[in-house]
Amino acid sequence: MFVKPAPGLKIRDPELKDLIPDEGRNVSADDLYWHRRLRDGDVVLVESTGVPPAAEAARITGSE
């Protein structure tokens, strides 16, 4: 699932040990941590990133 921080908040990603960017990040839909963040209003679920899936996958994996 793709989430981004609620306005005015900085949210740490416990898996990658950094802050998720204001633009959002793809996170595990099975992780209870993110479900709690959603429930508490700390992050918002983004239904569509506006980026084609192939481009999103390339951005996540990066090119070396």
C-alpha atoms as a PDB file:
ATOM      1  CA  MET A   1       0.000   0.000   0.000  1.00  0.00           C
ATOM      2  CA  PHE A   2       1.172   3.528  -0.674  1.00  0.00           C
ATOM      3  CA  VAL A   3       1.082   5.947   2.255  1.00  0.00           C
ATOM      4  CA  LYS A   4       2.287   9.451   2.909  1.00  0.00           C
ATOM      5  CA  PRO A   5       2.642  11.391   6.157  1.00  0.00           C
ATOM      6  CA  ALA A   6      -0.340  13.389   7.358  1.00  0.00           C
ATOM      7  CA  PRO A   7       0.191  17.145   6.880  1.00  0.00           C
ATOM      8  CA  GLY A   8       2.765  18.528   9.295  1.00  0.00           C
ATOM      9  CA  LEU A   9       4.078  15.134  10.447  1.00  0.00           C
ATOM     10  CA  LYS A  10       7.344  13.262   9.915  1.00  0.00           C
ATOM     11  CA  ILE A  11       6.915   9.491  10.153  1.00  0.00           C
ATOM     12  CA  ARG A  12       9.774   7.036  10.596  1.00  0.00           C
ATOM     13  CA  ASP A  13       9.859   3.826   8.568  1.00  0.00           C
ATOM     14  CA  PRO A  14      10.887   1.130  11.078  1.00  0.00           C
ATOM     15  CA  GLU A  15      12.089  -1.202   8.341  1.00  0.00           C
ATOM     16  CA  LEU A  16      14.324   1.234   6.430  1.00  0.00           C
ATOM     17  CA  LYS A  17      15.223   3.350   9.497  1.00  0.00           C
ATOM     18  CA  ASP A  18      14.490   6.674   7.822  1.00  0.00           C
ATOM     19  CA  LEU A  19      11.639   9.146   7.452  1.00  0.00           C
ATOM     20  CA  ILE A  20       9.114   8.452   4.730  1.00  0.00           C
ATOM     21  CA  PRO A  21       9.208  11.265   2.167  1.00  0.00           C
ATOM     22  CA  ASP A  22       6.402  13.818   1.951  1.00  0.00           C
ATOM     23  CA  GLU A  23       5.565  12.323  -1.469  1.00  0.00           C
ATOM     24  CA  GLY A  24       4.912   8.968   0.206  1.00  0.00           C
ATOM     25  CA  ARG A  25       6.278   5.454   0.073  1.00  0.00           C
ATOM     26  CA  ASN A  26       5.105   1.971  -0.765  1.00  0.00           C
ATOM     27  CA  VAL A  27       4.957  -0.050   2.476  1.00  0.00           C
ATOM     28  CA  SER A  28       3.901  -3.562   3.426  1.00  0.00           C
ATOM     29  CA  ALA A  29       0.137  -3.946   3.637  1.00  0.00           C
ATOM     30  CA  ASP A  30       0.644  -6.809   6.129  1.00  0.00           C
ATOM     31  CA  ASP A  31       2.587  -4.734   8.671  1.00  0.00           C
ATOM     32  CA  LEU A  32       0.500  -3.845  11.721  1.00  0.00           C
ATOM     33  CA  TYR A  33       2.705  -0.791  12.330  1.00  0.00           C
ATOM     34  CA  TRP A  34       1.298   0.888   9.200  1.00  0.00           C
ATOM     35  CA  HIS A  35      -2.262  -0.101  10.068  1.00  0.00           C
ATOM     36  CA  ARG A  36      -1.827   1.602  13.454  1.00  0.00           C
ATOM     37  CA  ARG A  37      -0.385   4.720  11.778  1.00  0.00           C
ATOM     38  CA  LEU A  38      -3.423   4.795   9.457  1.00  0.00           C
ATOM     39  CA  ARG A  39      -5.861   4.295  12.334  1.00  0.00           C
ATOM     40  CA  ASP A  40      -4.211   7.056  14.378  1.00  0.00           C
ATOM     41  CA  GLY A  41      -4.207   9.467  11.428  1.00  0.00           C
ATOM     42  CA  ASP A  42      -0.407   9.723  11.282  1.00  0.00           C
ATOM     43  CA  VAL A  43      -0.336   8.662   7.616  1.00  0.00           C
ATOM     44  CA  VAL A  44      -2.866   8.815   4.810  1.00  0.00           C
ATOM     45  CA  LEU A  45      -3.507   6.086   2.274  1.00  0.00           C
ATOM     46  CA  VAL A  46      -2.885   7.156  -1.306  1.00  0.00           C
ATOM     47  CA  GLU A  47      -5.105   5.212  -3.692  1.00  0.00           C
ATOM     48  CA  SER A  48      -3.322   6.257  -6.879  1.00  0.00           C
ATOM     49  CA  THR A  49       0.215   7.590  -7.051  1.00  0.00           C
ATOM     50  CA  GLY A  50      -0.303   8.959 -10.565  1.00  0.00           C
ATOM     51  CA  VAL A  51       2.798   7.035 -11.671  1.00  0.00           C
ATOM     52  CA  PRO A  52       2.533   3.976 -13.926  1.00  0.00           C
ATOM     53  CA  PRO A  53       3.397   0.754 -12.026  1.00  0.00           C
ATOM     54  CA  ALA A  54       6.490   0.057 -14.167  1.00  0.00           C
ATOM     55  CA  ALA A  55       7.886   3.520 -13.447  1.00  0.00           C
ATOM     56  CA  GLU A  56       7.126   3.126  -9.733  1.00  0.00           C
ATOM     57  CA  ALA A  57       8.927  -0.235  -9.630  1.00  0.00           C
ATOM     58  CA  ALA A  58      11.956   1.285 -11.364  1.00  0.00           C
ATOM     59  CA  ARG A  59      11.993   4.173  -8.881  1.00  0.00           C
ATOM     60  CA  ILE A  60      11.849   1.818  -5.901  1.00  0.00           C
ATOM     61  CA  THR A  61      14.523  -0.605  -7.093  1.00  0.00           C
ATOM     62  CA  GLY A  62      16.665   2.118  -8.673  1.00  0.00           C
ATOM     63  CA  SER A  63      19.027   1.729 -11.568  1.00  0.00           C
ATOM     64  CA  GLU A  64      22.681   1.126 -10.916  1.00  0.00           C
END
